[in-house]
Amino acid sequence: MVLETLNPMHYNITSLVPDTMPVATVPILILMCFLFLIWNHEETSSIPGPGYCMGIGPLISHGRFLWMGVGKACNYYNKTYGEFVRVWISGEETFIISK
């Protein structure tokens, strides 16, 4: 009788998984959403320019400078955001000042 209770085949482990799965995933999803919000939070800058957006903004900004060249990319950002613009080139925050 003792061996029968210790036998792992005696318990149906698959019947426990669907019952505990929603209970375990809800706190994990809430924690992940909270961490995502903290990670995306950035101080609002008074300087206009493309947003950071989880690192996608710097990639797009740098790609635009590589694709269009410095002159045309500067003109594009100045037309879009004004004469004082914050962009990223090679992962570094760069300011474009023109008039």
C-alpha atoms as a PDB file:
ATOM      1  CA  MET A   1       0.000   0.000   0.000  1.00  0.00           C
ATOM      2  CA  VAL A   2       2.900   2.384   0.743  1.00  0.00           C
ATOM      3  CA  LEU A   3       4.508   1.588  -2.605  1.00  0.00           C
ATOM      4  CA  GLU A   4       1.227   2.251  -4.323  1.00  0.00           C
ATOM      5  CA  THR A   5       1.017   5.808  -2.928  1.00  0.00           C
ATOM      6  CA  LEU A   6       4.645   6.542  -3.843  1.00  0.00           C
ATOM      7  CA  ASN A   7       4.205   5.365  -7.415  1.00  0.00           C
ATOM      8  CA  PRO A   8       4.288   8.440  -9.719  1.00  0.00           C
ATOM      9  CA  MET A   9       1.973   6.700 -12.158  1.00  0.00           C
ATOM     10  CA  HIS A  10      -0.658   6.639  -9.452  1.00  0.00           C
ATOM     11  CA  TYR A  11      -1.134  10.429  -9.676  1.00  0.00           C
ATOM     12  CA  ASN A  12      -2.486  11.996 -12.822  1.00  0.00           C
ATOM     13  CA  ILE A  13      -0.226  15.034 -13.169  1.00  0.00           C
ATOM     14  CA  THR A  14      -1.996  16.266 -16.318  1.00  0.00           C
ATOM     15  CA  SER A  15      -5.158  16.901 -14.366  1.00  0.00           C
ATOM     16  CA  LEU A  16      -3.280  19.367 -12.128  1.00  0.00           C
ATOM     17  CA  VAL A  17      -1.784  21.466 -14.951  1.00  0.00           C
ATOM     18  CA  PRO A  18      -4.984  23.052 -16.328  1.00  0.00           C
ATOM     19  CA  ASP A  19      -6.144  23.945 -12.801  1.00  0.00           C
ATOM     20  CA  THR A  20      -2.926  25.672 -11.761  1.00  0.00           C
ATOM     21  CA  MET A  21      -1.984  27.213 -15.116  1.00  0.00           C
ATOM     22  CA  PRO A  22      -4.328  30.258 -15.014  1.00  0.00           C
ATOM     23  CA  VAL A  23      -3.464  30.902 -11.381  1.00  0.00           C
ATOM     24  CA  ALA A  24       0.252  30.946 -12.177  1.00  0.00           C
ATOM     25  CA  THR A  25       0.129  32.900 -15.445  1.00  0.00           C
ATOM     26  CA  VAL A  26      -1.930  35.873 -14.272  1.00  0.00           C
ATOM     27  CA  PRO A  27       0.673  37.176 -11.773  1.00  0.00           C
ATOM     28  CA  ILE A  28       3.456  36.539 -14.281  1.00  0.00           C
ATOM     29  CA  LEU A  29       1.625  38.499 -16.991  1.00  0.00           C
ATOM     30  CA  ILE A  30       0.913  41.361 -14.580  1.00  0.00           C
ATOM     31  CA  LEU A  31       4.583  41.454 -13.555  1.00  0.00           C
ATOM     32  CA  MET A  32       5.718  41.445 -17.192  1.00  0.00           C
ATOM     33  CA  CYS A  33       3.350  44.304 -18.060  1.00  0.00           C
ATOM     34  CA  PHE A  34       4.586  46.297 -15.064  1.00  0.00           C
ATOM     35  CA  LEU A  35       8.234  45.759 -16.048  1.00  0.00           C
ATOM     36  CA  PHE A  36       7.414  46.696 -19.651  1.00  0.00           C
ATOM     37  CA  LEU A  37       5.854  49.973 -18.493  1.00  0.00           C
ATOM     38  CA  ILE A  38       8.845  50.771 -16.288  1.00  0.00           C
ATOM     39  CA  TRP A  39      11.241  49.961 -19.116  1.00  0.00           C
ATOM     40  CA  ASN A  40       9.372  52.215 -21.567  1.00  0.00           C
ATOM     41  CA  HIS A  41       9.065  55.115 -19.160  1.00  0.00           C
ATOM     42  CA  GLU A  42      11.339  57.943 -20.094  1.00  0.00           C
ATOM     43  CA  GLU A  43      11.630  61.483 -18.962  1.00  0.00           C
ATOM     44  CA  THR A  44       9.857  63.766 -21.376  1.00  0.00           C
ATOM     45  CA  SER A  45      12.353  65.961 -23.104  1.00  0.00           C
ATOM     46  CA  SER A  46      11.638  69.567 -23.945  1.00  0.00           C
ATOM     47  CA  ILE A  47      13.706  69.118 -27.102  1.00  0.00           C
ATOM     48  CA  PRO A  48      11.661  67.859 -30.066  1.00  0.00           C
ATOM     49  CA  GLY A  49      12.697  64.833 -32.057  1.00  0.00           C
ATOM     50  CA  PRO A  50      11.803  61.229 -32.725  1.00  0.00           C
ATOM     51  CA  GLY A  51      10.798  59.198 -29.667  1.00  0.00           C
ATOM     52  CA  TYR A  52      12.977  56.539 -28.093  1.00  0.00           C
ATOM     53  CA  CYS A  53      10.318  53.777 -28.192  1.00  0.00           C
ATOM     54  CA  MET A  54      12.324  50.833 -26.758  1.00  0.00           C
ATOM     55  CA  GLY A  55      15.384  51.654 -28.847  1.00  0.00           C
ATOM     56  CA  ILE A  56      13.573  51.614 -32.180  1.00  0.00           C
ATOM     57  CA  GLY A  57      13.732  55.413 -32.536  1.00  0.00           C
ATOM     58  CA  PRO A  58      17.540  55.523 -32.425  1.00  0.00           C
ATOM     59  CA  LEU A  59      17.762  52.700 -34.958  1.00  0.00           C
ATOM     60  CA  ILE A  60      15.426  54.495 -37.361  1.00  0.00           C
ATOM     61  CA  SER A  61      17.223  57.807 -36.830  1.00  0.00           C
ATOM     62  CA  HIS A  62      20.645  56.288 -37.464  1.00  0.00           C
ATOM     63  CA  GLY A  63      19.333  54.366 -40.480  1.00  0.00           C
ATOM     64  CA  ARG A  64      17.895  57.561 -41.963  1.00  0.00           C
ATOM     65  CA  PHE A  65      21.298  59.275 -41.673  1.00  0.00           C
ATOM     66  CA  LEU A  66      23.020  56.320 -43.343  1.00  0.00           C
ATOM     67  CA  TRP A  67      20.408  56.052 -46.095  1.00  0.00           C
ATOM     68  CA  MET A  68      19.794  59.738 -46.909  1.00  0.00           C
ATOM     69  CA  GLY A  69      23.132  61.229 -45.941  1.00  0.00           C
ATOM     70  CA  VAL A  70      23.751  63.866 -43.306  1.00  0.00           C
ATOM     71  CA  GLY A  71      22.496  66.877 -45.279  1.00  0.00           C
ATOM     72  CA  LYS A  72      19.180  65.442 -46.454  1.00  0.00           C
ATOM     73  CA  ALA A  73      18.472  63.760 -43.108  1.00  0.00           C
ATOM     74  CA  CYS A  74      19.134  67.031 -41.261  1.00  0.00           C
ATOM     75  CA  ASN A  75      16.794  68.871 -43.625  1.00  0.00           C
ATOM     76  CA  TYR A  76      14.114  66.199 -43.096  1.00  0.00           C
ATOM     77  CA  TYR A  77      14.315  66.421 -39.298  1.00  0.00           C
ATOM     78  CA  ASN A  78      14.377  70.222 -39.382  1.00  0.00           C
ATOM     79  CA  LYS A  79      11.247  70.330 -41.537  1.00  0.00           C
ATOM     80  CA  THR A  80       9.520  67.775 -39.330  1.00  0.00           C
ATOM     81  CA  TYR A  81      10.497  68.962 -35.834  1.00  0.00           C
ATOM     82  CA  GLY A  82      11.841  72.503 -36.182  1.00  0.00           C
ATOM     83  CA  GLU A  83      15.249  74.164 -36.045  1.00  0.00           C
ATOM     84  CA  PHE A  84      16.504  72.465 -32.855  1.00  0.00           C
ATOM     85  CA  VAL A  85      16.170  68.645 -33.023  1.00  0.00           C
ATOM     86  CA  ARG A  86      17.375  65.712 -30.931  1.00  0.00           C
ATOM     87  CA  VAL A  87      18.301  62.579 -32.950  1.00  0.00           C
ATOM     88  CA  TRP A  88      20.526  59.559 -32.414  1.00  0.00           C
ATOM     89  CA  ILE A  89      23.589  58.828 -34.516  1.00  0.00           C
ATOM     90  CA  SER A  90      25.534  55.645 -33.699  1.00  0.00           C
ATOM     91  CA  GLY A  91      23.539  55.267 -30.484  1.00  0.00           C
ATOM     92  CA  GLU A  92      24.545  58.697 -29.159  1.00  0.00           C
ATOM     93  CA  GLU A  93      22.118  61.537 -28.640  1.00  0.00           C
ATOM     94  CA  THR A  94      22.921  64.272 -31.162  1.00  0.00           C
ATOM     95  CA  PHE A  95      21.450  67.749 -31.491  1.00  0.00           C
ATOM     96  CA  ILE A  96      20.866  69.374 -34.867  1.00  0.00           C
ATOM     97  CA  ILE A  97      20.743  73.152 -34.744  1.00  0.00           C
ATOM     98  CA  SER A  98      19.901  75.032 -37.927  1.00  0.00           C
ATOM     99  CA  LYS A  99      17.952  77.989 -39.134  1.00  0.00           C
END
